[in-house]
Amino acid sequence: MRRWLFQLALLVVAAGAIYPILYLRQVYQPTMLEVFHISEAQLGYLYSALGTIFAICQAAGSWIA
């Protein structure tokens, strides 16, 4: 029972760390474009790569679980 609670707590912490990153991009997008000297299309490609990596990791994690 105790291990189950630890796993649940770990899941909550991980979810809390991942999801704000996706929403903060909307707030900081103009700053990121300016600082990294990239276009919106290039940033879109980076977001696509991030989504692909998340999908691969999700599939791997579900297989492990």
Protein backbone atom coordinates (compact mmCIF):
# COMPACT_ATOMS: atom_id res chain seq x y z
CA MET A 1 0.00 0.00 0.00
CA ARG A 2 2.82 2.37 0.84
CA ARG A 3 4.55 1.78 -2.51
CA TRP A 4 1.29 2.64 -4.30
CA LEU A 5 1.13 5.99 -2.51
CA PHE A 6 4.75 6.73 -3.44
CA GLN A 7 4.05 5.95 -7.11
CA LEU A 8 0.96 8.17 -7.06
CA ALA A 9 2.90 11.03 -5.51
CA LEU A 10 5.66 10.63 -8.09
CA LEU A 11 3.08 10.72 -10.88
CA VAL A 12 1.51 13.90 -9.50
CA VAL A 13 4.90 15.62 -9.21
CA ALA A 14 5.90 14.60 -12.75
CA ALA A 15 2.61 15.81 -14.22
CA GLY A 16 2.93 19.05 -12.33
CA ALA A 17 6.39 19.59 -13.79
CA ILE A 18 5.54 18.77 -17.41
CA TYR A 19 2.23 20.45 -18.14
CA PRO A 20 3.10 24.03 -17.11
CA ILE A 21 5.99 23.97 -19.58
CA LEU A 22 3.55 23.51 -22.44
CA TYR A 23 1.38 26.44 -21.35
CA LEU A 24 4.21 28.81 -20.44
CA ARG A 25 5.31 28.78 -24.07
CA GLN A 26 2.31 30.95 -24.96
CA VAL A 27 3.35 33.54 -22.42
CA TYR A 28 7.04 33.61 -23.32
CA GLN A 29 6.83 33.01 -27.08
CA PRO A 30 7.69 36.59 -28.14
CA THR A 31 10.65 36.61 -25.75
CA MET A 32 11.91 33.23 -27.00
CA LEU A 33 11.67 34.37 -30.62
CA GLU A 34 13.66 37.49 -29.84
CA VAL A 35 16.33 35.90 -27.65
CA PHE A 36 17.02 32.89 -29.88
CA HIS A 37 16.64 34.86 -33.14
CA ILE A 38 14.28 32.34 -34.69
CA SER A 39 11.08 32.68 -36.69
CA GLU A 40 7.64 31.46 -35.66
CA ALA A 41 7.94 28.63 -38.20
CA GLN A 42 11.22 27.45 -36.66
CA LEU A 43 9.67 27.57 -33.21
CA GLY A 44 6.77 25.54 -34.58
CA TYR A 45 9.21 22.89 -35.79
CA LEU A 46 10.73 22.77 -32.31
CA TYR A 47 7.26 22.34 -30.77
CA SER A 48 6.58 19.54 -33.23
CA ALA A 49 9.79 17.82 -32.18
CA LEU A 50 8.82 18.26 -28.52
CA GLY A 51 5.41 16.71 -29.17
CA THR A 52 6.98 13.78 -31.00
CA ILE A 53 9.42 13.17 -28.16
CA PHE A 54 6.57 13.31 -25.63
CA ALA A 55 4.57 10.79 -27.68
CA ILE A 56 7.52 8.39 -27.95
CA CYS A 57 8.23 8.66 -24.22
CA GLN A 58 4.54 8.15 -23.42
CA ALA A 59 4.48 4.99 -25.54
CA ALA A 60 7.66 3.72 -23.93
CA GLY A 61 6.35 4.52 -20.47
CA SER A 62 3.06 2.74 -21.06
CA TRP A 63 4.91 -0.32 -22.34
CA ILE A 64 7.14 -0.34 -19.24
CA ALA A 65 4.17 0.07 -16.91
